[in-house]
Structures are given as structure tokens and as C-alpha cells.
Amino acid sequence: MTVSRARPLLARVASPKPVRSATGSTATGFDGYVTARGADLLRTAFLLTGDHQRAEDLVQTALAKVWPHWERVAEEGAGSPHAYVRRVMLTTYIAWWRRRWTGEQPTSDLPEVDLPDEVERVAQRQDLLRALATLPRGQRAAVVLRYFDDLTEAQAAEMLGCSVGTVKSQCAKALTRLRTSPFLADGGDQP
């Protein structure tokens, strides 16, 4: 395809017209949902991935998967389309880590300095994220759903597609590992 023939196609892709559903309505319900719950989804995605850019990609991918079926999700979601979207996001995350390459991990040792309170809180959050990153994926997902998303064991089990006992054991193993994590020790900066 020549450049002159591709320009009209690129113009249509770059500025698409509003897409209408089968009933003729635009996705205002979806827009409202994204506005209301987008920050919650991004927080959960960030806790799962440990990286802001990957979290944004995860949320965007999950929302792109849900959007074409939004009317059905909103109607059949038993009043909770958020649980459905979060489930799609979790299954997408699981599919990503099954094929993700983890060969490179950038690191650098920074010198110790006296930190103001806000900077100390940020450092503690970073230490927590590093400690979460050391957990196996199943344990990490269970901890994020139980303690950061504040789901019950039954809800987390449903989201993960496993039994309640599995969620309990994954959380117990994860908490044991986190208690002994060098990232959460007093120094917090040792690998």
C-alpha cells in the first residue's frame, strides 16, 4: 500500500467516529463506569504488576476486552460489573505473566540519606512493592485481592478460580514470606 493510499485509512483510525451499540446508544454507561472506577482498577493493576506503565496497559487491555460487551455485562453483572471487569483484568494479568520474559531487572544501589516523612513513606511503599514482587504470582494475586482490594476469601477464590482453602494457604504462605522479607526489615534496602 502506498503512502498516499494509507493516509485516508490512518485519518479514520486516528479520529474514529463514536461507536454505537446494537441498540443505537453510545457507551455512556461504560464511560461513567471508567470515570468512577478507573482509579480502583489502576490501583489493583499496579499492585499486581508493580509497574505503573504495565498497570496502565493492563487496565486498558481489560477495558478494551469488556467494552464491546458492556451492555450485556451491565445487565447480567448482577449489579456488579466491577467484579466482572476486575476478573477480566486478573485473567489478562495471569495470561501476561505466563508468557512474560523476566530476563532484565534494572537495579541500582542508592546511598543512605536522612529522609523527610513524605519521602520515607514513599520509600516504605517502594519496599513493600519490592517485597510483593518476590512473591510467586499466585500468592501475590491472593494477597492483593484479600488485603489491598479488601475482598473476602470467598470472593478472592471466585476471582482466582480456586477454592477458599487455596486462597487461605496462598495468603498464609505469602504473609510468612513477607514477614521474613529483607525489603520489609528495618534496613529495607537489601535484596
C-alpha atoms as a PDB file:
ATOM      1  CA  MET A   1       0.000   0.000   0.000  1.00  0.00           C
ATOM      2  CA  THR A   2       1.394   3.391  -0.921  1.00  0.00           C
ATOM      3  CA  VAL A   3       1.645   6.293   1.496  1.00  0.00           C
ATOM      4  CA  SER A   4      -0.982   8.325  -0.390  1.00  0.00           C
ATOM      5  CA  ARG A   5      -3.487   5.455  -0.185  1.00  0.00           C
ATOM      6  CA  ALA A   6      -2.720   4.848   3.511  1.00  0.00           C
ATOM      7  CA  ARG A   7      -3.362   8.445   4.643  1.00  0.00           C
ATOM      8  CA  PRO A   8      -7.182   8.289   4.467  1.00  0.00           C
ATOM      9  CA  LEU A   9      -7.094   4.984   6.349  1.00  0.00           C
ATOM     10  CA  LEU A  10      -4.811   6.450   9.015  1.00  0.00           C
ATOM     11  CA  ALA A  11      -7.047   9.500   9.320  1.00  0.00           C
ATOM     12  CA  ARG A  12     -10.051   7.262  10.005  1.00  0.00           C
ATOM     13  CA  VAL A  13      -8.132   5.229  12.570  1.00  0.00           C
ATOM     14  CA  ALA A  14      -6.686   8.307  14.269  1.00  0.00           C
ATOM     15  CA  SER A  15     -10.064  10.003  14.699  1.00  0.00           C
ATOM     16  CA  PRO A  16     -12.764   7.331  14.860  1.00  0.00           C
ATOM     17  CA  LYS A  17     -16.427   8.232  14.906  1.00  0.00           C
ATOM     18  CA  PRO A  18     -18.379   7.383  18.074  1.00  0.00           C
ATOM     19  CA  VAL A  19     -19.203   3.692  18.026  1.00  0.00           C
ATOM     20  CA  ARG A  20     -22.792   2.778  18.599  1.00  0.00           C
ATOM     21  CA  SER A  21     -24.018  -0.432  20.110  1.00  0.00           C
ATOM     22  CA  ALA A  22     -26.589  -2.762  18.584  1.00  0.00           C
ATOM     23  CA  THR A  23     -29.365  -0.764  20.261  1.00  0.00           C
ATOM     24  CA  GLY A  24     -28.040   2.504  18.810  1.00  0.00           C
ATOM     25  CA  SER A  25     -26.899   4.062  22.095  1.00  0.00           C
ATOM     26  CA  THR A  26     -23.356   5.194  22.759  1.00  0.00           C
ATOM     27  CA  ALA A  27     -21.322   3.743  25.592  1.00  0.00           C
ATOM     28  CA  THR A  28     -22.110   6.447  28.165  1.00  0.00           C
ATOM     29  CA  GLY A  29     -22.638   3.812  30.843  1.00  0.00           C
ATOM     30  CA  PHE A  30     -19.190   2.470  30.097  1.00  0.00           C
ATOM     31  CA  ASP A  31     -17.704   5.978  30.156  1.00  0.00           C
ATOM     32  CA  GLY A  32     -19.323   6.614  33.525  1.00  0.00           C
ATOM     33  CA  TYR A  33     -18.003   3.331  34.864  1.00  0.00           C
ATOM     34  CA  VAL A  34     -14.448   4.073  33.699  1.00  0.00           C
ATOM     35  CA  THR A  35     -14.623   7.546  35.248  1.00  0.00           C
ATOM     36  CA  ALA A  36     -15.961   6.216  38.547  1.00  0.00           C
ATOM     37  CA  ARG A  37     -13.873   3.049  38.917  1.00  0.00           C
ATOM     38  CA  GLY A  38     -10.783   3.673  36.768  1.00  0.00           C
ATOM     39  CA  ALA A  39      -8.619   4.678  39.721  1.00  0.00           C
ATOM     40  CA  ASP A  40      -9.593   1.486  41.605  1.00  0.00           C
ATOM     41  CA  LEU A  41      -8.718  -0.638  38.596  1.00  0.00           C
ATOM     42  CA  LEU A  42      -5.408   1.161  38.125  1.00  0.00           C
ATOM     43  CA  ARG A  43      -4.504   0.682  41.793  1.00  0.00           C
ATOM     44  CA  THR A  44      -5.244  -3.039  41.629  1.00  0.00           C
ATOM     45  CA  ALA A  45      -3.329  -3.377  38.364  1.00  0.00           C
ATOM     46  CA  PHE A  46      -0.357  -1.518  39.830  1.00  0.00           C
ATOM     47  CA  LEU A  47      -0.285  -3.779  42.868  1.00  0.00           C
ATOM     48  CA  LEU A  48      -0.415  -6.825  40.601  1.00  0.00           C
ATOM     49  CA  THR A  49       2.238  -5.695  38.117  1.00  0.00           C
ATOM     50  CA  GLY A  50       4.450  -3.493  40.283  1.00  0.00           C
ATOM     51  CA  ASP A  51       4.959  -1.108  37.362  1.00  0.00           C
ATOM     52  CA  HIS A  52       2.855   1.946  36.524  1.00  0.00           C
ATOM     53  CA  GLN A  53       3.146   1.586  32.744  1.00  0.00           C
ATOM     54  CA  ARG A  54       2.272  -2.120  32.822  1.00  0.00           C
ATOM     55  CA  ALA A  55      -0.632  -1.336  35.138  1.00  0.00           C
ATOM     56  CA  GLU A  56      -1.993   1.209  32.670  1.00  0.00           C
ATOM     57  CA  ASP A  57      -1.587  -1.319  29.854  1.00  0.00           C
ATOM     58  CA  LEU A  58      -3.357  -3.970  31.909  1.00  0.00           C
ATOM     59  CA  VAL A  59      -6.320  -1.714  32.693  1.00  0.00           C
ATOM     60  CA  GLN A  60      -6.552  -0.543  29.096  1.00  0.00           C
ATOM     61  CA  THR A  61      -6.436  -4.105  27.769  1.00  0.00           C
ATOM     62  CA  ALA A  62      -9.099  -5.295  30.207  1.00  0.00           C
ATOM     63  CA  LEU A  63     -11.378  -2.365  29.397  1.00  0.00           C
ATOM     64  CA  ALA A  64     -10.860  -2.926  25.665  1.00  0.00           C
ATOM     65  CA  LYS A  65     -11.945  -6.546  26.121  1.00  0.00           C
ATOM     66  CA  VAL A  66     -15.051  -5.582  28.101  1.00  0.00           C
ATOM     67  CA  TRP A  67     -16.226  -2.566  26.100  1.00  0.00           C
ATOM     68  CA  PRO A  68     -17.794  -4.393  23.119  1.00  0.00           C
ATOM     69  CA  HIS A  69     -19.938  -6.413  25.547  1.00  0.00           C
ATOM     70  CA  TRP A  70     -20.656  -3.624  28.035  1.00  0.00           C
ATOM     71  CA  GLU A  71     -24.452  -3.653  27.781  1.00  0.00           C
ATOM     72  CA  ARG A  72     -24.570  -7.381  28.489  1.00  0.00           C
ATOM     73  CA  VAL A  73     -22.045  -7.008  31.327  1.00  0.00           C
ATOM     74  CA  ALA A  74     -24.012  -4.164  32.898  1.00  0.00           C
ATOM     75  CA  GLU A  75     -27.319  -6.057  32.599  1.00  0.00           C
ATOM     76  CA  GLU A  76     -26.139  -9.545  33.557  1.00  0.00           C
ATOM     77  CA  GLY A  77     -23.490  -8.451  36.058  1.00  0.00           C
ATOM     78  CA  ALA A  78     -25.925  -8.905  38.944  1.00  0.00           C
ATOM     79  CA  GLY A  79     -25.416  -5.253  39.790  1.00  0.00           C
ATOM     80  CA  SER A  80     -21.638  -5.595  39.878  1.00  0.00           C
ATOM     81  CA  PRO A  81     -19.937  -5.001  36.544  1.00  0.00           C
ATOM     82  CA  HIS A  82     -16.854  -4.010  38.556  1.00  0.00           C
ATOM     83  CA  ALA A  83     -16.345  -7.619  39.660  1.00  0.00           C
ATOM     84  CA  TYR A  84     -16.569  -8.744  36.032  1.00  0.00           C
ATOM     85  CA  VAL A  85     -14.076  -6.135  34.840  1.00  0.00           C
ATOM     86  CA  ARG A  86     -11.717  -6.966  37.690  1.00  0.00           C
ATOM     87  CA  ARG A  87     -11.983 -10.660  36.763  1.00  0.00           C
ATOM     88  CA  VAL A  88     -11.116  -9.857  33.132  1.00  0.00           C
ATOM     89  CA  MET A  89      -8.170  -7.800  34.347  1.00  0.00           C
ATOM     90  CA  LEU A  90      -6.963 -10.634  36.577  1.00  0.00           C
ATOM     91  CA  THR A  91      -7.201 -13.254  33.819  1.00  0.00           C
ATOM     92  CA  THR A  92      -5.362 -10.907  31.469  1.00  0.00           C
ATOM     93  CA  TYR A  93      -2.644 -10.439  34.093  1.00  0.00           C
ATOM     94  CA  ILE A  94      -2.341 -14.208  34.524  1.00  0.00           C
ATOM     95  CA  ALA A  95      -2.079 -14.681  30.752  1.00  0.00           C
ATOM     96  CA  TRP A  96       0.627 -11.996  30.608  1.00  0.00           C
ATOM     97  CA  TRP A  97       2.811 -13.471  33.317  1.00  0.00           C
ATOM     98  CA  ARG A  98       2.612 -16.926  31.788  1.00  0.00           C
ATOM     99  CA  ARG A  99       4.396 -15.645  28.710  1.00  0.00           C
ATOM    100  CA  ARG A 100       6.285 -12.652  30.124  1.00  0.00           C
ATOM    101  CA  TRP A 101      10.042 -12.523  29.803  1.00  0.00           C
ATOM    102  CA  THR A 102      11.733 -11.506  33.024  1.00  0.00           C
ATOM    103  CA  GLY A 103      15.359 -11.569  31.965  1.00  0.00           C
ATOM    104  CA  GLU A 104      16.322  -7.998  32.842  1.00  0.00           C
ATOM    105  CA  GLN A 105      15.723  -6.333  36.174  1.00  0.00           C
ATOM    106  CA  PRO A 106      17.224  -2.844  36.469  1.00  0.00           C
ATOM    107  CA  THR A 107      18.754  -2.172  39.866  1.00  0.00           C
ATOM    108  CA  SER A 108      20.917   0.434  41.489  1.00  0.00           C
ATOM    109  CA  ASP A 109      22.185   0.954  44.999  1.00  0.00           C
ATOM    110  CA  LEU A 110      21.459   4.415  46.350  1.00  0.00           C
ATOM    111  CA  PRO A 111      23.342   5.952  49.285  1.00  0.00           C
ATOM    112  CA  GLU A 112      21.652   6.225  52.681  1.00  0.00           C
ATOM    113  CA  VAL A 113      20.377   9.736  53.492  1.00  0.00           C
ATOM    114  CA  ASP A 114      18.068  11.293  56.082  1.00  0.00           C
ATOM    115  CA  LEU A 115      14.621  11.354  54.529  1.00  0.00           C
ATOM    116  CA  PRO A 116      11.693  13.646  55.377  1.00  0.00           C
ATOM    117  CA  ASP A 117       8.440  11.968  56.432  1.00  0.00           C
ATOM    118  CA  GLU A 118       6.791  12.015  52.978  1.00  0.00           C
ATOM    119  CA  VAL A 119       9.890  10.671  51.301  1.00  0.00           C
ATOM    120  CA  GLU A 120      10.110   7.963  53.972  1.00  0.00           C
ATOM    121  CA  ARG A 121       6.524   6.895  53.257  1.00  0.00           C
ATOM    122  CA  VAL A 122       7.311   6.689  49.548  1.00  0.00           C
ATOM    123  CA  ALA A 123      10.399   4.603  50.345  1.00  0.00           C
ATOM    124  CA  GLN A 124       8.297   2.284  52.511  1.00  0.00           C
ATOM    125  CA  ARG A 125       5.793   1.863  49.683  1.00  0.00           C
ATOM    126  CA  GLN A 126       8.642   1.029  47.312  1.00  0.00           C
ATOM    127  CA  ASP A 127       9.977  -1.536  49.787  1.00  0.00           C
ATOM    128  CA  LEU A 128       6.522  -3.086  50.016  1.00  0.00           C
ATOM    129  CA  LEU A 129       6.280  -3.260  46.221  1.00  0.00           C
ATOM    130  CA  ARG A 130       9.719  -4.895  46.046  1.00  0.00           C
ATOM    131  CA  ALA A 131       8.671  -7.416  48.690  1.00  0.00           C
ATOM    132  CA  LEU A 132       5.437  -8.141  46.778  1.00  0.00           C
ATOM    133  CA  ALA A 133       7.483  -8.664  43.614  1.00  0.00           C
ATOM    134  CA  THR A 134       9.394 -11.501  45.309  1.00  0.00           C
ATOM    135  CA  LEU A 135       6.197 -13.487  45.870  1.00  0.00           C
ATOM    136  CA  PRO A 136       5.085 -16.137  43.385  1.00  0.00           C
ATOM    137  CA  ARG A 137       2.284 -14.890  41.142  1.00  0.00           C
ATOM    138  CA  GLY A 138      -0.491 -16.881  42.824  1.00  0.00           C
ATOM    139  CA  GLN A 139       0.478 -15.696  46.299  1.00  0.00           C
ATOM    140  CA  ARG A 140       0.813 -12.125  45.068  1.00  0.00           C
ATOM    141  CA  ALA A 141      -2.619 -12.191  43.433  1.00  0.00           C
ATOM    142  CA  ALA A 142      -4.195 -13.659  46.582  1.00  0.00           C
ATOM    143  CA  VAL A 143      -2.600 -11.019  48.835  1.00  0.00           C
ATOM    144  CA  VAL A 144      -3.588  -8.151  46.528  1.00  0.00           C
ATOM    145  CA  LEU A 145      -7.184  -9.315  46.286  1.00  0.00           C
ATOM    146  CA  ARG A 146      -7.542 -10.064  50.003  1.00  0.00           C
ATOM    147  CA  TYR A 147      -5.681  -7.207  51.644  1.00  0.00           C
ATOM    148  CA  PHE A 148      -5.487  -4.400  49.102  1.00  0.00           C
ATOM    149  CA  ASP A 149      -8.823  -4.888  47.329  1.00  0.00           C
ATOM    150  CA  ASP A 150     -10.415  -5.959  50.643  1.00  0.00           C
ATOM    151  CA  LEU A 151     -12.238  -8.975  49.193  1.00  0.00           C
ATOM    152  CA  THR A 152     -13.431 -11.830  51.330  1.00  0.00           C
ATOM    153  CA  GLU A 153     -11.751 -15.206  50.981  1.00  0.00           C
ATOM    154  CA  ALA A 154     -14.746 -16.487  49.030  1.00  0.00           C
ATOM    155  CA  GLN A 155     -14.696 -13.516  46.638  1.00  0.00           C
ATOM    156  CA  ALA A 156     -10.951 -13.869  46.105  1.00  0.00           C
ATOM    157  CA  ALA A 157     -11.357 -17.606  45.477  1.00  0.00           C
ATOM    158  CA  GLU A 158     -14.042 -16.883  42.917  1.00  0.00           C
ATOM    159  CA  MET A 159     -11.854 -14.294  41.199  1.00  0.00           C
ATOM    160  CA  LEU A 160      -8.863 -16.648  41.120  1.00  0.00           C
ATOM    161  CA  GLY A 161     -10.933 -19.669  40.127  1.00  0.00           C
ATOM    162  CA  CYS A 162      -9.789 -21.784  43.060  1.00  0.00           C
ATOM    163  CA  SER A 163     -11.081 -22.960  46.427  1.00  0.00           C
ATOM    164  CA  VAL A 164     -11.288 -20.858  49.576  1.00  0.00           C
ATOM    165  CA  GLY A 165      -8.706 -23.147  51.174  1.00  0.00           C
ATOM    166  CA  THR A 166      -6.261 -22.371  48.382  1.00  0.00           C
ATOM    167  CA  VAL A 167      -6.705 -18.643  48.950  1.00  0.00           C
ATOM    168  CA  LYS A 168      -6.139 -19.132  52.684  1.00  0.00           C
ATOM    169  CA  SER A 169      -2.982 -21.173  52.138  1.00  0.00           C
ATOM    170  CA  GLN A 170      -1.646 -18.797  49.465  1.00  0.00           C
ATOM    171  CA  CYS A 171      -2.205 -15.820  51.790  1.00  0.00           C
ATOM    172  CA  ALA A 172      -0.620 -17.613  54.750  1.00  0.00           C
ATOM    173  CA  LYS A 173       2.455 -18.569  52.716  1.00  0.00           C
ATOM    174  CA  ALA A 174       2.696 -15.050  51.290  1.00  0.00           C
ATOM    175  CA  LEU A 175       2.440 -13.397  54.703  1.00  0.00           C
ATOM    176  CA  THR A 176       5.111 -15.727  56.084  1.00  0.00           C
ATOM    177  CA  ARG A 177       7.395 -14.764  53.205  1.00  0.00           C
ATOM    178  CA  LEU A 178       6.646 -11.074  53.635  1.00  0.00           C
ATOM    179  CA  ARG A 179       7.418 -11.237  57.367  1.00  0.00           C
ATOM    180  CA  THR A 180      10.893 -12.550  56.586  1.00  0.00           C
ATOM    181  CA  SER A 181      11.470 -10.358  53.532  1.00  0.00           C
ATOM    182  CA  PRO A 182      14.687  -8.336  53.726  1.00  0.00           C
ATOM    183  CA  PHE A 183      12.856  -5.475  51.975  1.00  0.00           C
ATOM    184  CA  LEU A 184      10.500  -5.124  54.932  1.00  0.00           C
ATOM    185  CA  ALA A 185      13.202  -5.463  57.577  1.00  0.00           C
ATOM    186  CA  ASP A 186      14.471  -2.349  59.372  1.00  0.00           C
ATOM    187  CA  GLY A 187      17.003  -1.576  56.625  1.00  0.00           C
ATOM    188  CA  GLY A 188      14.561  -2.316  53.815  1.00  0.00           C
ATOM    189  CA  ASP A 189      17.089  -1.817  51.056  1.00  0.00           C
ATOM    190  CA  GLN A 190      18.786  -5.194  50.916  1.00  0.00           C
ATOM    191  CA  PRO A 191      17.908  -7.633  48.107  1.00  0.00           C
END
